[in-house]
Amino acid sequence: MPLETPLGASIRWHRLVEKGVFTGLSIFPAVAAGEAILRMCVMSGHTPEMLRTSADAVASVLRQPL
């Protein structure tokens, strides 16, 4: 998911970790300078409930101001 800035992405990454959702934070040079993304991997061991919980956490964190 693309995010606004590397600092904003770091803040959101940390908030997700606090909710138990682990993502990969990618910043330059993995993405363009000044940009950042969070990468999520879905695996066969994840249950539908886990995916819903993660999606709810991501939605909640993205709605929060930085």
N, C-alpha and C. Protein backbone atom coordinates (compact mmCIF):
# COMPACT_ATOMS: atom_id res chain seq x y z
N MET A 1 0.85 -1.17 0.00
CA MET A 1 0.00 0.00 0.00
C MET A 1 0.89 1.23 0.00
N PRO A 2 0.77 2.10 -0.99
CA PRO A 2 1.57 3.32 -1.02
C PRO A 2 1.13 4.27 0.10
N LEU A 3 2.09 4.96 0.66
CA LEU A 3 1.80 5.90 1.75
C LEU A 3 2.40 7.26 1.44
N GLU A 4 2.06 8.24 2.25
CA GLU A 4 2.39 9.62 1.95
C GLU A 4 3.88 9.95 1.97
N THR A 5 4.59 9.61 3.00
CA THR A 5 6.02 9.92 3.12
C THR A 5 6.69 8.79 3.89
N PRO A 6 8.02 8.70 3.81
CA PRO A 6 8.70 7.69 4.63
C PRO A 6 8.42 7.85 6.13
N LEU A 7 8.39 9.07 6.62
CA LEU A 7 8.11 9.27 8.05
C LEU A 7 6.69 8.84 8.39
N GLY A 8 5.72 9.23 7.56
CA GLY A 8 4.34 8.82 7.79
C GLY A 8 4.19 7.31 7.73
N ALA A 9 4.90 6.69 6.79
CA ALA A 9 4.85 5.23 6.67
C ALA A 9 5.44 4.58 7.92
N SER A 10 6.51 5.14 8.45
CA SER A 10 7.13 4.59 9.66
C SER A 10 6.18 4.67 10.85
N ILE A 11 5.48 5.79 10.96
CA ILE A 11 4.51 5.96 12.05
C ILE A 11 3.39 4.94 11.91
N ARG A 12 2.87 4.80 10.70
CA ARG A 12 1.77 3.85 10.48
C ARG A 12 2.25 2.42 10.67
N TRP A 13 3.48 2.11 10.22
CA TRP A 13 4.05 0.78 10.42
C TRP A 13 4.09 0.46 11.92
N HIS A 14 4.56 1.40 12.72
CA HIS A 14 4.66 1.18 14.16
C HIS A 14 3.28 0.98 14.78
N ARG A 15 2.30 1.75 14.36
CA ARG A 15 0.94 1.59 14.89
C ARG A 15 0.37 0.21 14.55
N LEU A 16 0.69 -0.28 13.36
CA LEU A 16 0.23 -1.63 13.00
C LEU A 16 0.90 -2.69 13.85
N VAL A 17 2.20 -2.54 14.10
CA VAL A 17 2.92 -3.49 14.96
C VAL A 17 2.27 -3.51 16.34
N GLU A 18 1.92 -2.34 16.85
CA GLU A 18 1.26 -2.28 18.16
C GLU A 18 -0.06 -3.04 18.17
N LYS A 19 -0.71 -3.15 17.01
CA LYS A 19 -1.97 -3.89 16.89
C LYS A 19 -1.74 -5.36 16.53
N GLY A 20 -0.47 -5.76 16.43
CA GLY A 20 -0.15 -7.16 16.12
C GLY A 20 -0.17 -7.49 14.63
N VAL A 21 -0.15 -6.47 13.79
CA VAL A 21 -0.12 -6.68 12.33
C VAL A 21 1.28 -6.35 11.85
N PHE A 22 1.96 -7.33 11.30
CA PHE A 22 3.34 -7.16 10.88
C PHE A 22 3.42 -6.99 9.37
N THR A 23 4.07 -5.90 8.95
CA THR A 23 4.23 -5.58 7.53
C THR A 23 5.70 -5.29 7.27
N GLY A 24 6.04 -5.24 6.00
CA GLY A 24 7.38 -4.83 5.62
C GLY A 24 7.34 -3.38 5.18
N LEU A 25 8.19 -2.56 5.75
CA LEU A 25 8.28 -1.15 5.38
C LEU A 25 9.37 -1.00 4.33
N SER A 26 9.03 -0.46 3.18
CA SER A 26 10.01 -0.26 2.11
C SER A 26 10.17 1.23 1.85
N ILE A 27 11.43 1.69 1.90
CA ILE A 27 11.77 3.08 1.61
C ILE A 27 12.88 3.11 0.57
N PHE A 28 13.28 4.28 0.14
CA PHE A 28 14.35 4.44 -0.85
C PHE A 28 15.59 3.69 -0.38
N PRO A 29 16.25 2.92 -1.22
CA PRO A 29 16.16 2.84 -2.67
C PRO A 29 15.22 1.75 -3.20
N ALA A 30 14.47 1.09 -2.32
CA ALA A 30 13.54 0.05 -2.79
C ALA A 30 12.34 0.66 -3.52
N VAL A 31 12.01 1.90 -3.18
CA VAL A 31 10.95 2.65 -3.87
C VAL A 31 11.52 4.01 -4.22
N ALA A 32 10.79 4.80 -4.97
CA ALA A 32 11.28 6.12 -5.38
C ALA A 32 11.58 7.00 -4.17
N ALA A 33 12.56 7.87 -4.33
CA ALA A 33 12.94 8.79 -3.25
C ALA A 33 11.72 9.59 -2.80
N GLY A 34 11.54 9.70 -1.48
CA GLY A 34 10.43 10.45 -0.92
C GLY A 34 9.13 9.67 -0.81
N GLU A 35 9.14 8.41 -1.26
CA GLU A 35 7.96 7.57 -1.17
C GLU A 35 8.21 6.40 -0.23
N ALA A 36 7.15 5.70 0.12
CA ALA A 36 7.28 4.52 0.98
C ALA A 36 6.06 3.64 0.78
N ILE A 37 6.24 2.35 1.04
CA ILE A 37 5.11 1.41 0.97
C ILE A 37 5.20 0.43 2.13
N LEU A 38 4.07 -0.10 2.50
CA LEU A 38 4.02 -1.22 3.43
C LEU A 38 3.61 -2.45 2.63
N ARG A 39 4.37 -3.52 2.79
CA ARG A 39 4.07 -4.76 2.07
C ARG A 39 3.49 -5.77 3.04
N MET A 40 2.45 -6.44 2.58
CA MET A 40 1.81 -7.46 3.39
C MET A 40 1.81 -8.77 2.60
N CYS A 41 2.08 -9.85 3.27
CA CYS A 41 2.09 -11.17 2.64
C CYS A 41 0.98 -12.02 3.24
N VAL A 42 0.13 -12.53 2.39
CA VAL A 42 -0.93 -13.44 2.83
C VAL A 42 -0.45 -14.85 2.55
N MET A 43 -0.58 -15.70 3.54
CA MET A 43 -0.12 -17.08 3.41
C MET A 43 -1.28 -18.04 3.64
N SER A 44 -1.09 -19.26 3.22
CA SER A 44 -2.17 -20.25 3.31
C SER A 44 -2.58 -20.53 4.75
N GLY A 45 -1.70 -20.28 5.70
CA GLY A 45 -2.03 -20.51 7.11
C GLY A 45 -2.89 -19.42 7.74
N HIS A 46 -3.05 -18.31 7.04
CA HIS A 46 -3.90 -17.24 7.56
C HIS A 46 -5.37 -17.61 7.40
N THR A 47 -6.12 -17.43 8.45
CA THR A 47 -7.55 -17.74 8.41
C THR A 47 -8.32 -16.51 7.93
N PRO A 48 -9.55 -16.70 7.48
CA PRO A 48 -10.38 -15.54 7.11
C PRO A 48 -10.51 -14.54 8.26
N GLU A 49 -10.60 -15.04 9.47
CA GLU A 49 -10.69 -14.14 10.63
C GLU A 49 -9.42 -13.30 10.79
N MET A 50 -8.26 -13.93 10.60
CA MET A 50 -7.00 -13.19 10.69
C MET A 50 -6.94 -12.09 9.63
N LEU A 51 -7.39 -12.42 8.42
CA LEU A 51 -7.38 -11.44 7.34
C LEU A 51 -8.33 -10.28 7.62
N ARG A 52 -9.52 -10.58 8.15
CA ARG A 52 -10.46 -9.52 8.50
C ARG A 52 -9.88 -8.63 9.61
N THR A 53 -9.28 -9.25 10.61
CA THR A 53 -8.68 -8.49 11.71
C THR A 53 -7.57 -7.58 11.19
N SER A 54 -6.73 -8.11 10.32
CA SER A 54 -5.65 -7.31 9.74
C SER A 54 -6.21 -6.16 8.90
N ALA A 55 -7.20 -6.46 8.08
CA ALA A 55 -7.81 -5.42 7.25
C ALA A 55 -8.44 -4.33 8.11
N ASP A 56 -9.10 -4.71 9.18
CA ASP A 56 -9.70 -3.72 10.09
C ASP A 56 -8.61 -2.85 10.73
N ALA A 57 -7.50 -3.47 11.13
CA ALA A 57 -6.40 -2.73 11.75
C ALA A 57 -5.80 -1.75 10.75
N VAL A 58 -5.58 -2.19 9.53
CA VAL A 58 -5.02 -1.30 8.50
C VAL A 58 -5.96 -0.13 8.25
N ALA A 59 -7.25 -0.41 8.10
CA ALA A 59 -8.22 0.66 7.86
C ALA A 59 -8.22 1.67 9.02
N SER A 60 -8.16 1.15 10.24
CA SER A 60 -8.14 2.01 11.42
C SER A 60 -6.91 2.91 11.43
N VAL A 61 -5.75 2.33 11.16
CA VAL A 61 -4.49 3.09 11.19
C VAL A 61 -4.47 4.12 10.06
N LEU A 62 -4.97 3.78 8.89
CA LEU A 62 -4.97 4.73 7.79
C LEU A 62 -5.92 5.90 8.03
N ARG A 63 -6.96 5.69 8.82
CA ARG A 63 -7.90 6.79 9.15
C ARG A 63 -7.32 7.74 10.18
N GLN A 64 -6.37 7.28 10.98
CA GLN A 64 -5.81 8.12 12.04
C GLN A 64 -4.90 9.20 11.45
N PRO A 65 -5.00 10.42 11.97
CA PRO A 65 -4.05 11.45 11.52
C PRO A 65 -2.64 11.10 12.02
N LEU A 66 -1.65 11.60 11.33
CA LEU A 66 -0.28 11.33 11.76
C LEU A 66 0.11 12.12 12.97
